[in-house]
Protein backbone atom coordinates (compact mmCIF):
# COMPACT_ATOMS: atom_id res chain seq x y z
CA MET A 1 212.53 134.05 176.03
CA GLU A 2 211.18 131.86 173.24
CA ALA A 3 211.89 128.70 175.24
CA LEU A 4 209.97 130.11 178.20
CA PHE A 5 207.03 130.91 175.93
CA LEU A 6 207.06 127.42 174.42
CA ASP A 7 207.23 125.83 177.86
CA ARG A 8 204.18 127.82 178.99
CA TYR A 9 201.98 127.49 175.90
CA VAL A 10 199.19 125.96 177.99
CA TYR A 11 198.83 129.20 179.94
CA LEU A 12 198.46 131.16 176.71
CA PHE A 13 195.80 128.69 175.58
CA VAL A 14 194.02 129.12 178.95
CA LEU A 15 194.11 132.92 178.56
CA VAL A 16 192.61 132.66 175.07
CA LEU A 17 189.84 130.39 176.36
CA LEU A 18 189.17 132.74 179.27
CA ALA A 19 188.92 135.69 176.89
CA VAL A 20 186.59 133.83 174.51
CA GLY A 21 184.38 132.67 177.38
CA LEU A 22 184.25 136.11 178.97
CA TYR A 23 183.40 137.66 175.60
CA GLY A 24 180.62 135.13 175.14
CA MET A 25 179.13 135.89 178.55
CA LEU A 26 179.36 139.68 178.36
CA ALA A 27 179.02 140.63 174.69
CA LYS A 28 176.51 138.14 173.36
CA ARG A 29 172.81 138.88 173.78
CA ASN A 30 171.45 135.37 173.18
CA LEU A 31 171.04 133.37 176.40
CA VAL A 32 172.23 130.09 174.84
CA GLN A 33 175.39 131.82 173.62
CA LYS A 34 175.92 133.15 177.15
CA ILE A 35 175.70 129.59 178.50
CA ILE A 36 178.21 128.43 175.90
CA GLY A 37 180.53 131.28 176.92
CA MET A 38 180.17 130.29 180.57
CA THR A 39 181.06 126.69 179.70
CA ILE A 40 184.15 127.77 177.77
CA PHE A 41 185.20 130.02 180.66
CA THR A 42 184.87 127.23 183.23
CA THR A 43 186.76 124.83 180.96
CA ALA A 44 189.65 127.30 180.90
CA ILE A 45 189.62 127.38 184.69
CA TYR A 46 189.71 123.58 184.81
CA LEU A 47 192.70 123.50 182.47
CA PHE A 48 194.50 126.16 184.49
CA PHE A 49 193.96 124.24 187.72
CA ILE A 50 195.10 120.93 186.25
CA GLU A 51 198.15 122.49 184.55
CA GLY A 52 199.20 123.95 187.90
CA SER A 53 199.26 120.48 189.45
CA VAL A 54 201.59 118.94 186.84
CA LYS A 55 204.97 117.67 188.09
CA ASP A 56 207.77 116.81 185.70
CA GLY A 57 208.80 113.18 185.97
CA ALA A 58 205.96 112.28 188.32
CA THR A 59 203.51 109.47 187.77
CA ALA A 60 199.96 108.64 188.80
CA PRO A 61 199.54 108.23 192.58
CA ILE A 62 199.61 104.43 192.51
CA ILE A 63 202.42 102.99 194.59
CA ASP A 64 205.04 101.47 192.31
CA PRO A 65 207.63 99.14 193.90
CA GLU A 66 210.33 100.60 191.64
CA LEU A 67 209.64 104.19 192.77
CA GLY A 68 208.88 103.43 196.41
CA SER A 69 206.49 105.36 198.58
CA ASP A 70 208.24 108.75 198.41
CA PRO A 71 205.54 111.35 197.48
CA VAL A 72 208.02 113.29 195.34
CA HIS A 73 207.61 110.68 192.59
CA TYR A 74 203.83 110.99 192.41
CA VAL A 75 201.35 113.62 191.24
CA ASP A 76 199.02 115.04 193.88
CA PRO A 77 195.54 113.58 193.15
CA LEU A 78 193.62 116.30 195.01
CA PRO A 79 193.46 118.88 192.16
CA HIS A 80 192.19 116.20 189.80
CA LEU A 81 189.50 115.15 192.25
CA LEU A 82 188.42 118.75 192.79
CA ILE A 83 188.19 119.39 189.06
CA LEU A 84 186.23 116.18 188.54
CA THR A 85 183.77 117.38 191.17
CA ALA A 86 183.65 120.83 189.54
CA ILE A 87 182.90 119.24 186.16
CA VAL A 88 179.99 117.27 187.61
CA VAL A 89 178.61 120.38 189.31
CA GLY A 90 179.17 122.35 186.08
CA VAL A 91 177.16 119.85 184.07
CA GLY A 92 174.32 120.22 186.57
CA VAL A 93 174.48 124.01 186.36
CA VAL A 94 174.42 123.92 182.55
CA GLY A 95 171.47 121.52 182.64
CA VAL A 96 169.48 123.81 184.93
CA ALA A 97 170.46 126.86 182.87
CA LEU A 98 169.29 125.19 179.66
CA ALA A 99 166.01 124.16 181.32
CA LEU A 100 165.48 127.78 182.37
CA VAL A 101 166.28 128.97 178.85
CA VAL A 102 163.67 126.57 177.42
CA ARG A 103 161.11 127.88 179.91
CA ILE A 104 161.99 131.51 179.10
CA TYR A 105 161.65 130.81 175.40
CA ARG A 106 158.25 129.15 175.87
CA ILE A 107 156.96 132.09 177.88
CA HIS A 108 158.48 135.01 175.97
CA GLY A 109 159.19 133.58 172.53
CA THR A 110 162.73 134.98 172.42
CA LEU A 111 166.17 134.42 173.92
CA ASP A 112 167.48 137.92 173.18
CA GLU A 113 168.49 139.57 176.44
CA ASP A 114 167.56 143.11 175.37
CA GLU A 115 164.13 142.00 174.19
CA LEU A 116 163.52 140.09 177.44
CA VAL A 117 164.47 143.13 179.52
CA ARG A 118 162.18 145.31 177.40
CA ARG A 119 159.29 142.89 177.83
CA MET A 120 159.80 142.49 181.56
CA SER A 121 160.02 146.24 182.18
CA ALA A 122 156.88 146.97 180.13
CA PRO A 123 153.41 147.15 181.74
CA PRO A 124 151.81 143.70 182.17
CA GLU A 125 149.32 144.16 179.31
CA ALA A 126 152.06 145.16 176.86
CA ALA A 127 154.42 142.44 178.02
CA ARG A 128 151.96 139.67 177.17
CA THR A 129 152.74 138.28 173.77
CA GLY A 130 150.48 135.56 172.58
CA ALA A 131 148.99 134.96 176.01
CA ASP A 132 145.66 134.03 174.40
CA ASP A 133 147.45 131.41 172.28
CA ALA A 134 149.37 129.90 175.22
CA ASP A 135 146.72 127.35 176.21
CA PRO A 136 143.81 126.99 173.78
CA GLY A 137 141.85 124.89 176.27
CA ASP A 138 141.86 127.59 178.95
CA ARG A 139 139.04 129.98 178.10
CA GLY A 140 138.27 131.00 181.68
CA GLY A 141 138.76 134.58 182.80
CA ASP A 142 141.65 135.76 184.90
CA GLY A 143 139.51 137.56 187.43
CA THR A 144 140.49 141.07 186.28
CA ASP A 145 137.38 141.63 184.18
CA GLY A 146 134.84 140.13 186.55
CA THR A 147 135.14 136.57 185.25
CA ALA A 148 136.57 133.77 187.33
CA ASN A 149 139.28 131.42 186.16
CA THR A 150 138.20 127.96 187.21
CA GLY A 151 141.24 126.30 185.67
CA ASN A 152 139.05 123.81 183.75
CA GLY A 153 138.56 125.60 180.47
CA GLY A 154 135.78 127.84 181.79
CA HIS A 155 133.39 124.98 182.52
CA ASP A 156 131.67 124.82 185.87
CA SER A 157 132.59 121.67 187.75
CA GLY A 158 129.30 121.55 189.64
CA GLY A 159 130.86 122.35 193.02
CA ARG A 160 133.07 119.27 193.16
């Protein structure tokens, strides 16, 4: 039993990474920590997929004259190519997620999920935090109090 466990230690490591990543995505309230948890989770999936493609005694899929062209002697390159593609896509997803987190922080001033939900479910007047400080150059009205927002700091452009 111990030998079987030692032979499969990678799967235990993958399970630990999956648990840590899932915990990070579900239990943490900070959006950046959720992204980190998602990255750990996907890394565990990559490791699981690559570990499943390992063949004992096989080599890279480059034809060797000593081994011949029998595919039994070579590792299947397809799982590696799929994981490489998944890593590239994952980096793009993390980049977009981090850009969204920066935008959320600039608008709401927090990354706490509970606070964001509270602010988004509140009436519009109560949800605004620091809206007057957002753009000091924009002093035009928003149209709700009878003033027009010209988008040029409240100055009339002379009809241009």
